[in-house]
Amino acid sequence: MAAEAITTEDYKAFRVFLEDASGIVLGDNKQYLVTSRLTRLMSDNEIITFGSLMGRMKSDQRLRQRIMDAMTTNETSWFRDSYPFDILKEKLLPEILKKQKPTIRIWSAACSTGQEPYSLSMMVQEYQQSNPGSLTTDSVQIIGTDISPRVLGIARSGCYEGVAVSRGLAPERQKRFFRETPDGWSVQGDIQKRVSFRELNLMQNYALMGRFDIIYCRNVLIYFSTDLKRDILARMSKCLNPDGYLVLGGSESISNYSDEFNLIRWKNGVIYQLKS
């Protein structure tokens, strides 16, 4: 059963729904994206028109959640872009440890199926192995958040099938930090223990998250409106400990949205540090 093309009016209504629900702003000509993301879902539910889809989701919470999953879940990989992970091991952990903090807290926002927080945990483990006695098992807490309960279920399981586990992960790290199971490859031991996951919409209050030393919010702000970018950055700044760090995607900048951070250059990239 093929879905009919989305009409202009239905697309406008869907844009309003998505922005209200998640903060994500779709452009004027993204009908193809909506169609590609939702066609299978509509087929599974025997829905032909987007008008019918919009009508059904008003009274079907499960369908609303599936729509949100389809529109907010993106491809991810291990150690994506490498720089954000290298800087953790080579600069941020040593700098924070100089302050003799009993616990280092890291937030991975919009973590999807968990590759980023687990990659961060692997870097912590490698730092610990290279610097014996510098960290204990409980010295670092990593919290991954996402809007989708479905992807968080995968993240919490810590188990990935062959293609997913190999995307961006060196064979040596796969062998060292994972074990093969009948269902795929599972994250081992301390790599998984130091990571926890919570459901969170970035439009919501962050107060219950506590304070962090580092926030990773990579390739997320690009989907939001200017006002929401400013709001998210302002609230994240209040979640950071003094001199805490914010790590964004390589193509992202806060220059037009916040003046609460100093830009820190390191090797071939930048991060941001909360002003004292």
C-alpha atoms as a PDB file:
ATOM      1  CA  MET A   1       0.000   0.000   0.000  1.00  0.00           C
ATOM      2  CA  ALA A   2       1.776   3.141  -1.212  1.00  0.00           C
ATOM      3  CA  ALA A   3       1.418   6.402   0.704  1.00  0.00           C
ATOM      4  CA  GLU A   4       0.136   9.383  -1.222  1.00  0.00           C
ATOM      5  CA  ALA A   5       2.311  12.485  -1.625  1.00  0.00           C
ATOM      6  CA  ILE A   6       2.209  14.918   1.267  1.00  0.00           C
ATOM      7  CA  THR A   7       0.157  18.028   0.571  1.00  0.00           C
ATOM      8  CA  THR A   8       1.328  21.558   1.338  1.00  0.00           C
ATOM      9  CA  GLU A   9      -1.198  21.949   4.139  1.00  0.00           C
ATOM     10  CA  ASP A  10      -0.334  18.594   5.730  1.00  0.00           C
ATOM     11  CA  TYR A  11       3.366  19.446   5.550  1.00  0.00           C
ATOM     12  CA  LYS A  12       2.771  22.786   7.294  1.00  0.00           C
ATOM     13  CA  ALA A  13       0.804  21.032  10.029  1.00  0.00           C
ATOM     14  CA  PHE A  14       3.512  18.403  10.451  1.00  0.00           C
ATOM     15  CA  ARG A  15       6.216  21.071  10.751  1.00  0.00           C
ATOM     16  CA  VAL A  16       4.272  22.706  13.584  1.00  0.00           C
ATOM     17  CA  PHE A  17       3.810  19.363  15.354  1.00  0.00           C
ATOM     18  CA  LEU A  18       7.498  18.433  15.106  1.00  0.00           C
ATOM     19  CA  GLU A  19       8.740  21.813  16.333  1.00  0.00           C
ATOM     20  CA  ASP A  20       6.282  21.858  19.237  1.00  0.00           C
ATOM     21  CA  ALA A  21       7.162  18.293  20.243  1.00  0.00           C
ATOM     22  CA  SER A  22      10.934  18.269  19.777  1.00  0.00           C
ATOM     23  CA  GLY A  23      12.166  21.741  18.840  1.00  0.00           C
ATOM     24  CA  ILE A  24      13.326  20.495  15.445  1.00  0.00           C
ATOM     25  CA  VAL A  25      12.675  22.999  12.669  1.00  0.00           C
ATOM     26  CA  LEU A  26      12.075  21.660   9.169  1.00  0.00           C
ATOM     27  CA  GLY A  27      12.793  23.880   6.179  1.00  0.00           C
ATOM     28  CA  ASP A  28      10.259  24.934   3.572  1.00  0.00           C
ATOM     29  CA  ASN A  29      11.205  22.184   1.134  1.00  0.00           C
ATOM     30  CA  LYS A  30      11.826  19.091   3.243  1.00  0.00           C
ATOM     31  CA  GLN A  31       8.759  17.138   2.149  1.00  0.00           C
ATOM     32  CA  TYR A  32      11.038  14.457   0.699  1.00  0.00           C
ATOM     33  CA  LEU A  33      12.664  13.960   4.123  1.00  0.00           C
ATOM     34  CA  VAL A  34       9.322  13.531   5.872  1.00  0.00           C
ATOM     35  CA  THR A  35       8.134  11.149   3.170  1.00  0.00           C
ATOM     36  CA  SER A  36      11.297   9.012   3.285  1.00  0.00           C
ATOM     37  CA  ARG A  37      11.256   8.817   7.089  1.00  0.00           C
ATOM     38  CA  LEU A  38       7.556   7.999   7.473  1.00  0.00           C
ATOM     39  CA  THR A  39       6.587   5.928   4.418  1.00  0.00           C
ATOM     40  CA  ARG A  40       7.380   2.569   6.044  1.00  0.00           C
ATOM     41  CA  LEU A  41       5.622   3.540   9.274  1.00  0.00           C
ATOM     42  CA  MET A  42       2.520   4.521   7.308  1.00  0.00           C
ATOM     43  CA  SER A  43       2.602   1.270   5.372  1.00  0.00           C
ATOM     44  CA  ASP A  44       2.915  -0.764   8.594  1.00  0.00           C
ATOM     45  CA  ASN A  45      -0.159   1.006   9.957  1.00  0.00           C
ATOM     46  CA  GLU A  46      -2.118   0.899   6.673  1.00  0.00           C
ATOM     47  CA  ILE A  47      -2.264   4.680   6.457  1.00  0.00           C
ATOM     48  CA  ILE A  48      -2.379   6.089   2.927  1.00  0.00           C
ATOM     49  CA  THR A  49      -2.466   9.867   3.352  1.00  0.00           C
ATOM     50  CA  PHE A  50      -0.474  12.192   5.585  1.00  0.00           C
ATOM     51  CA  GLY A  51      -3.756  13.815   6.551  1.00  0.00           C
ATOM     52  CA  SER A  52      -4.895  10.480   7.970  1.00  0.00           C
ATOM     53  CA  LEU A  53      -1.567  10.121   9.752  1.00  0.00           C
ATOM     54  CA  MET A  54      -1.958  13.544  11.376  1.00  0.00           C
ATOM     55  CA  GLY A  55      -5.480  12.625  12.455  1.00  0.00           C
ATOM     56  CA  ARG A  56      -4.508   9.229  13.890  1.00  0.00           C
ATOM     57  CA  MET A  57      -1.558  10.460  15.900  1.00  0.00           C
ATOM     58  CA  LYS A  58      -3.708  12.924  17.893  1.00  0.00           C
ATOM     59  CA  SER A  59      -5.305  10.023  19.763  1.00  0.00           C
ATOM     60  CA  ASP A  60      -2.574   7.374  19.402  1.00  0.00           C
ATOM     61  CA  GLN A  61       0.365   8.052  21.731  1.00  0.00           C
ATOM     62  CA  ARG A  62       2.257   5.002  20.494  1.00  0.00           C
ATOM     63  CA  LEU A  63       2.008   6.246  16.900  1.00  0.00           C
ATOM     64  CA  ARG A  64       3.172   9.718  17.973  1.00  0.00           C
ATOM     65  CA  GLN A  65       6.232   8.150  19.592  1.00  0.00           C
ATOM     66  CA  ARG A  66       7.016   6.115  16.481  1.00  0.00           C
ATOM     67  CA  ILE A  67       6.776   9.272  14.368  1.00  0.00           C
ATOM     68  CA  MET A  68       9.153  11.060  16.752  1.00  0.00           C
ATOM     69  CA  ASP A  69      11.563   8.127  16.585  1.00  0.00           C
ATOM     70  CA  ALA A  70      11.526   8.179  12.801  1.00  0.00           C
ATOM     71  CA  MET A  71      12.144  11.922  12.588  1.00  0.00           C
ATOM     72  CA  THR A  72      14.759  12.305  15.334  1.00  0.00           C
ATOM     73  CA  THR A  73      16.887   9.169  15.049  1.00  0.00           C
ATOM     74  CA  ASN A  74      20.054   9.697  13.012  1.00  0.00           C
ATOM     75  CA  GLU A  75      22.964   7.564  11.886  1.00  0.00           C
ATOM     76  CA  THR A  76      25.736   7.396  14.435  1.00  0.00           C
ATOM     77  CA  SER A  77      29.101   5.707  14.778  1.00  0.00           C
ATOM     78  CA  TRP A  78      31.896   5.026  17.229  1.00  0.00           C
ATOM     79  CA  PHE A  79      34.490   7.771  17.777  1.00  0.00           C
ATOM     80  CA  ARG A  80      32.750   9.988  15.240  1.00  0.00           C
ATOM     81  CA  ASP A  81      35.195  12.675  14.041  1.00  0.00           C
ATOM     82  CA  SER A  82      37.866  11.433  16.541  1.00  0.00           C
ATOM     83  CA  TYR A  83      38.773  14.977  17.710  1.00  0.00           C
ATOM     84  CA  PRO A  84      36.154  15.184  20.515  1.00  0.00           C
ATOM     85  CA  PHE A  85      37.482  11.921  21.966  1.00  0.00           C
ATOM     86  CA  ASP A  86      41.176  12.717  21.579  1.00  0.00           C
ATOM     87  CA  ILE A  87      40.719  16.012  23.407  1.00  0.00           C
ATOM     88  CA  LEU A  88      38.989  14.241  26.292  1.00  0.00           C
ATOM     89  CA  LYS A  89      41.919  11.898  26.847  1.00  0.00           C
ATOM     90  CA  GLU A  90      44.753  14.291  26.053  1.00  0.00           C
ATOM     91  CA  LYS A  91      43.513  17.610  27.495  1.00  0.00           C
ATOM     92  CA  LEU A  92      40.214  17.634  29.394  1.00  0.00           C
ATOM     93  CA  LEU A  93      40.757  14.721  31.778  1.00  0.00           C
ATOM     94  CA  PRO A  94      44.269  15.918  32.788  1.00  0.00           C
ATOM     95  CA  GLU A  95      43.012  19.488  33.287  1.00  0.00           C
ATOM     96  CA  ILE A  96      40.034  18.447  35.426  1.00  0.00           C
ATOM     97  CA  LEU A  97      42.092  15.966  37.468  1.00  0.00           C
ATOM     98  CA  LYS A  98      44.426  18.809  38.509  1.00  0.00           C
ATOM     99  CA  LYS A  99      41.484  20.136  40.545  1.00  0.00           C
ATOM    100  CA  GLN A 100      41.390  16.849  42.496  1.00  0.00           C
ATOM    101  CA  LYS A 101      37.669  16.404  41.947  1.00  0.00           C
ATOM    102  CA  PRO A 102      36.302  13.183  43.465  1.00  0.00           C
ATOM    103  CA  THR A 103      33.957  12.623  40.509  1.00  0.00           C
ATOM    104  CA  ILE A 104      34.026  13.814  36.894  1.00  0.00           C
ATOM    105  CA  ARG A 105      30.584  14.009  35.279  1.00  0.00           C
ATOM    106  CA  ILE A 106      30.078  14.009  31.501  1.00  0.00           C
ATOM    107  CA  TRP A 107      26.782  14.505  29.644  1.00  0.00           C
ATOM    108  CA  SER A 108      26.315  13.146  26.118  1.00  0.00           C
ATOM    109  CA  ALA A 109      23.196  14.915  24.800  1.00  0.00           C
ATOM    110  CA  ALA A 110      21.106  13.360  22.000  1.00  0.00           C
ATOM    111  CA  CYS A 111      23.170  10.185  22.291  1.00  0.00           C
ATOM    112  CA  SER A 112      20.964   8.031  20.036  1.00  0.00           C
ATOM    113  CA  THR A 113      21.873   4.323  20.403  1.00  0.00           C
ATOM    114  CA  GLY A 114      24.796   5.007  22.723  1.00  0.00           C
ATOM    115  CA  GLN A 115      27.899   5.008  20.562  1.00  0.00           C
ATOM    116  CA  GLU A 116      29.104   8.425  21.763  1.00  0.00           C
ATOM    117  CA  PRO A 117      28.866   7.833  25.542  1.00  0.00           C
ATOM    118  CA  TYR A 118      30.414   4.380  25.224  1.00  0.00           C
ATOM    119  CA  SER A 119      33.206   5.827  23.054  1.00  0.00           C
ATOM    120  CA  LEU A 120      33.832   8.405  25.788  1.00  0.00           C
ATOM    121  CA  SER A 121      33.946   5.609  28.342  1.00  0.00           C
ATOM    122  CA  MET A 122      36.542   3.761  26.261  1.00  0.00           C
ATOM    123  CA  MET A 123      38.695   6.888  26.189  1.00  0.00           C
ATOM    124  CA  VAL A 124      38.412   7.167  29.972  1.00  0.00           C
ATOM    125  CA  GLN A 125      39.496   3.536  30.251  1.00  0.00           C
ATOM    126  CA  GLU A 126      42.484   4.114  27.978  1.00  0.00           C
ATOM    127  CA  TYR A 127      43.501   7.181  29.994  1.00  0.00           C
ATOM    128  CA  GLN A 128      43.217   5.185  33.203  1.00  0.00           C
ATOM    129  CA  GLN A 129      45.366   2.392  31.782  1.00  0.00           C
ATOM    130  CA  SER A 130      48.025   4.887  30.631  1.00  0.00           C
ATOM    131  CA  ASN A 131      47.974   6.733  33.968  1.00  0.00           C
ATOM    132  CA  PRO A 132      47.673   4.103  36.723  1.00  0.00           C
ATOM    133  CA  GLY A 133      46.166   5.432  39.921  1.00  0.00           C
ATOM    134  CA  SER A 134      44.755   8.573  38.294  1.00  0.00           C
ATOM    135  CA  LEU A 135      41.153   7.334  38.306  1.00  0.00           C
ATOM    136  CA  THR A 136      39.114   4.764  40.163  1.00  0.00           C
ATOM    137  CA  THR A 137      36.284   2.749  38.655  1.00  0.00           C
ATOM    138  CA  ASP A 138      33.723   5.247  39.972  1.00  0.00           C
ATOM    139  CA  SER A 139      35.695   8.439  39.275  1.00  0.00           C
ATOM    140  CA  VAL A 140      33.886   9.209  36.014  1.00  0.00           C
ATOM    141  CA  GLN A 141      30.125   9.202  35.437  1.00  0.00           C
ATOM    142  CA  ILE A 142      28.824   9.476  31.870  1.00  0.00           C
ATOM    143  CA  ILE A 143      25.133  10.161  31.261  1.00  0.00           C
ATOM    144  CA  GLY A 144      23.637   9.751  27.806  1.00  0.00           C
ATOM    145  CA  THR A 145      20.248  11.295  27.040  1.00  0.00           C
ATOM    146  CA  ASP A 146      17.877  11.105  24.094  1.00  0.00           C
ATOM    147  CA  ILE A 147      14.260  11.890  23.293  1.00  0.00           C
ATOM    148  CA  SER A 148      13.577   8.365  21.979  1.00  0.00           C
ATOM    149  CA  PRO A 149      12.818   5.475  24.372  1.00  0.00           C
ATOM    150  CA  ARG A 150      13.456   3.024  21.536  1.00  0.00           C
ATOM    151  CA  VAL A 151      17.061   4.063  20.872  1.00  0.00           C
ATOM    152  CA  LEU A 152      17.725   4.333  24.604  1.00  0.00           C
ATOM    153  CA  GLY A 153      16.646   0.706  24.938  1.00  0.00           C
ATOM    154  CA  ILE A 154      19.384  -0.274  22.487  1.00  0.00           C
ATOM    155  CA  ALA A 155      21.888   1.954  24.293  1.00  0.00           C
ATOM    156  CA  ARG A 156      21.109   0.455  27.689  1.00  0.00           C
ATOM    157  CA  SER A 157      21.499  -3.070  26.357  1.00  0.00           C
ATOM    158  CA  GLY A 158      25.024  -2.235  25.174  1.00  0.00           C
ATOM    159  CA  CYS A 159      24.647  -4.889  22.467  1.00  0.00           C
ATOM    160  CA  TYR A 160      25.228  -4.148  18.774  1.00  0.00           C
ATOM    161  CA  GLU A 161      25.002  -6.290  15.651  1.00  0.00           C
ATOM    162  CA  GLY A 162      27.967  -6.703  13.319  1.00  0.00           C
ATOM    163  CA  VAL A 163      27.573  -3.689  11.037  1.00  0.00           C
ATOM    164  CA  ALA A 164      26.709  -1.329  13.896  1.00  0.00           C
ATOM    165  CA  VAL A 165      29.660  -2.397  16.027  1.00  0.00           C
ATOM    166  CA  SER A 166      32.176  -2.065  13.191  1.00  0.00           C
ATOM    167  CA  ARG A 167      31.152   1.435  12.060  1.00  0.00           C
ATOM    168  CA  GLY A 168      34.060   3.607  13.217  1.00  0.00           C
ATOM    169  CA  LEU A 169      35.416   1.085  15.715  1.00  0.00           C
ATOM    170  CA  ALA A 170      38.954  -0.228  15.267  1.00  0.00           C
ATOM    171  CA  PRO A 171      39.218  -4.047  15.445  1.00  0.00           C
ATOM    172  CA  GLU A 172      41.660  -3.739  18.351  1.00  0.00           C
ATOM    173  CA  ARG A 173      39.164  -1.747  20.434  1.00  0.00           C
ATOM    174  CA  GLN A 174      36.351  -4.089  19.468  1.00  0.00           C
ATOM    175  CA  LYS A 175      38.389  -7.030  20.736  1.00  0.00           C
ATOM    176  CA  ARG A 176      39.449  -5.233  23.923  1.00  0.00           C
ATOM    177  CA  PHE A 177      36.178  -3.613  24.970  1.00  0.00           C
ATOM    178  CA  PHE A 178      33.469  -5.943  23.594  1.00  0.00           C
ATOM    179  CA  ARG A 179      32.576  -9.593  23.854  1.00  0.00           C
ATOM    180  CA  GLU A 180      30.805 -11.587  21.196  1.00  0.00           C
ATOM    181  CA  THR A 181      27.370 -12.948  22.098  1.00  0.00           C
ATOM    182  CA  PRO A 182      24.665 -14.813  20.164  1.00  0.00           C
ATOM    183  CA  ASP A 183      22.947 -11.450  19.570  1.00  0.00           C
ATOM    184  CA  GLY A 184      26.003  -9.481  18.469  1.00  0.00           C
ATOM    185  CA  TRP A 185      28.751  -7.659  20.359  1.00  0.00           C
ATOM    186  CA  SER A 186      28.236  -6.444  23.946  1.00  0.00           C
ATOM    187  CA  VAL A 187      30.106  -3.662  25.712  1.00  0.00           C
ATOM    188  CA  GLN A 188      32.205  -5.100  28.514  1.00  0.00           C
ATOM    189  CA  GLY A 189      32.722  -4.395  32.196  1.00  0.00           C
ATOM    190  CA  ASP A 190      33.685  -0.906  33.297  1.00  0.00           C
ATOM    191  CA  ILE A 191      32.952   0.571  29.845  1.00  0.00           C
ATOM    192  CA  GLN A 192      29.273  -0.068  30.443  1.00  0.00           C
ATOM    193  CA  LYS A 193      29.271   0.434  34.223  1.00  0.00           C
ATOM    194  CA  ARG A 194      30.304   4.078  34.087  1.00  0.00           C
ATOM    195  CA  VAL A 195      27.555   4.957  31.559  1.00  0.00           C
ATOM    196  CA  SER A 196      23.861   5.457  32.335  1.00  0.00           C
ATOM    197  CA  PHE A 197      20.997   6.655  30.163  1.00  0.00           C
ATOM    198  CA  ARG A 198      17.946   8.883  30.658  1.00  0.00           C
ATOM    199  CA  GLU A 199      15.081   9.979  28.453  1.00  0.00           C
ATOM    200  CA  LEU A 200      15.261  13.750  27.940  1.00  0.00           C
ATOM    201  CA  ASN A 201      13.793  16.234  25.500  1.00  0.00           C
ATOM    202  CA  LEU A 202      16.237  19.156  25.200  1.00  0.00           C
ATOM    203  CA  MET A 203      13.262  21.516  25.413  1.00  0.00           C
ATOM    204  CA  GLN A 204      12.632  20.301  28.971  1.00  0.00           C
ATOM    205  CA  ASN A 205      14.139  21.375  32.303  1.00  0.00           C
ATOM    206  CA  TYR A 206      17.681  20.129  33.002  1.00  0.00           C
ATOM    207  CA  ALA A 207      17.661  20.815  36.758  1.00  0.00           C
ATOM    208  CA  LEU A 208      17.338  17.155  37.758  1.00  0.00           C
ATOM    209  CA  MET A 209      20.410  16.277  35.696  1.00  0.00           C
ATOM    210  CA  GLY A 210      22.742  17.900  38.214  1.00  0.00           C
ATOM    211  CA  ARG A 211      26.011  19.580  37.263  1.00  0.00           C
ATOM    212  CA  PHE A 212      28.624  18.433  34.780  1.00  0.00           C
ATOM    213  CA  ASP A 213      32.268  19.041  34.027  1.00  0.00           C
ATOM    214  CA  ILE A 214      31.854  18.384  30.305  1.00  0.00           C
ATOM    215  CA  ILE A 215      28.819  18.458  28.008  1.00  0.00           C
ATOM    216  CA  TYR A 216      28.916  16.877  24.560  1.00  0.00           C
ATOM    217  CA  CYS A 217      26.135  18.310  22.381  1.00  0.00           C
ATOM    218  CA  ARG A 218      27.370  17.537  18.895  1.00  0.00           C
ATOM    219  CA  ASN A 219      25.466  18.039  15.652  1.00  0.00           C
ATOM    220  CA  VAL A 220      22.266  18.771  17.564  1.00  0.00           C
ATOM    221  CA  LEU A 221      21.822  22.550  17.657  1.00  0.00           C
ATOM    222  CA  ILE A 222      21.729  22.715  13.854  1.00  0.00           C
ATOM    223  CA  TYR A 223      18.165  21.341  13.947  1.00  0.00           C
ATOM    224  CA  PHE A 224      16.770  24.060  16.225  1.00  0.00           C
ATOM    225  CA  SER A 225      15.538  27.608  15.752  1.00  0.00           C
ATOM    226  CA  THR A 226      17.741  30.556  16.729  1.00  0.00           C
ATOM    227  CA  ASP A 227      15.709  31.235  19.881  1.00  0.00           C
ATOM    228  CA  LEU A 228      15.814  27.612  20.978  1.00  0.00           C
ATOM    229  CA  LYS A 229      19.572  27.410  20.366  1.00  0.00           C
ATOM    230  CA  ARG A 230      20.044  30.385  22.688  1.00  0.00           C
ATOM    231  CA  ASP A 231      17.747  28.844  25.284  1.00  0.00           C
ATOM    232  CA  ILE A 232      19.469  25.439  25.210  1.00  0.00           C
ATOM    233  CA  LEU A 233      22.944  26.974  25.488  1.00  0.00           C
ATOM    234  CA  ALA A 234      21.852  29.204  28.374  1.00  0.00           C
ATOM    235  CA  ARG A 235      20.419  26.249  30.271  1.00  0.00           C
ATOM    236  CA  MET A 236      23.440  24.059  29.538  1.00  0.00           C
ATOM    237  CA  SER A 237      25.730  26.771  30.859  1.00  0.00           C
ATOM    238  CA  LYS A 238      23.860  26.574  34.174  1.00  0.00           C
ATOM    239  CA  CYS A 239      24.454  22.805  34.247  1.00  0.00           C
ATOM    240  CA  LEU A 240      28.223  23.178  33.993  1.00  0.00           C
ATOM    241  CA  ASN A 241      30.574  23.374  36.935  1.00  0.00           C
ATOM    242  CA  PRO A 242      32.876  26.436  37.045  1.00  0.00           C
ATOM    243  CA  ASP A 243      35.279  26.341  34.071  1.00  0.00           C
ATOM    244  CA  GLY A 244      33.326  23.410  32.603  1.00  0.00           C
ATOM    245  CA  TYR A 245      33.604  22.497  28.935  1.00  0.00           C
ATOM    246  CA  LEU A 246      31.105  22.332  26.064  1.00  0.00           C
ATOM    247  CA  VAL A 247      31.917  20.240  22.989  1.00  0.00           C
ATOM    248  CA  LEU A 248      29.913  20.877  19.805  1.00  0.00           C
ATOM    249  CA  GLY A 249      30.023  19.405  16.304  1.00  0.00           C
ATOM    250  CA  GLY A 250      32.876  20.391  14.025  1.00  0.00           C
ATOM    251  CA  SER A 251      30.704  22.692  11.896  1.00  0.00           C
ATOM    252  CA  GLU A 252      28.819  24.252  14.821  1.00  0.00           C
ATOM    253  CA  SER A 253      29.533  27.586  16.526  1.00  0.00           C
ATOM    254  CA  ILE A 254      27.949  29.433  19.442  1.00  0.00           C
ATOM    255  CA  SER A 255      29.210  32.874  18.420  1.00  0.00           C
ATOM    256  CA  ASN A 256      25.724  34.181  17.563  1.00  0.00           C
ATOM    257  CA  TYR A 257      23.871  32.406  20.355  1.00  0.00           C
ATOM    258  CA  SER A 258      25.801  32.730  23.632  1.00  0.00           C
ATOM    259  CA  ASP A 259      28.448  34.921  25.237  1.00  0.00           C
ATOM    260  CA  GLU A 260      28.885  32.720  28.321  1.00  0.00           C
ATOM    261  CA  PHE A 261      31.799  30.699  26.939  1.00  0.00           C
ATOM    262  CA  ASN A 262      35.398  31.255  25.911  1.00  0.00           C
ATOM    263  CA  LEU A 263      36.599  29.564  22.740  1.00  0.00           C
ATOM    264  CA  ILE A 264      39.486  27.145  23.347  1.00  0.00           C
ATOM    265  CA  ARG A 265      41.652  26.111  20.414  1.00  0.00           C
ATOM    266  CA  TRP A 266      43.381  22.740  20.554  1.00  0.00           C
ATOM    267  CA  LYS A 267      45.259  21.178  17.663  1.00  0.00           C
ATOM    268  CA  ASN A 268      42.906  21.279  14.647  1.00  0.00           C
ATOM    269  CA  GLY A 269      39.653  22.106  16.405  1.00  0.00           C
ATOM    270  CA  VAL A 270      37.860  24.101  19.072  1.00  0.00           C
ATOM    271  CA  ILE A 271      35.774  23.573  22.182  1.00  0.00           C
ATOM    272  CA  TYR A 272      34.157  26.037  24.600  1.00  0.00           C
ATOM    273  CA  GLN A 273      34.847  26.722  28.260  1.00  0.00           C
ATOM    274  CA  LEU A 274      32.414  28.381  30.630  1.00  0.00           C
ATOM    275  CA  LYS A 275      33.597  31.852  31.609  1.00  0.00           C
ATOM    276  CA  SER A 276      34.702  32.263  35.225  1.00  0.00           C
END
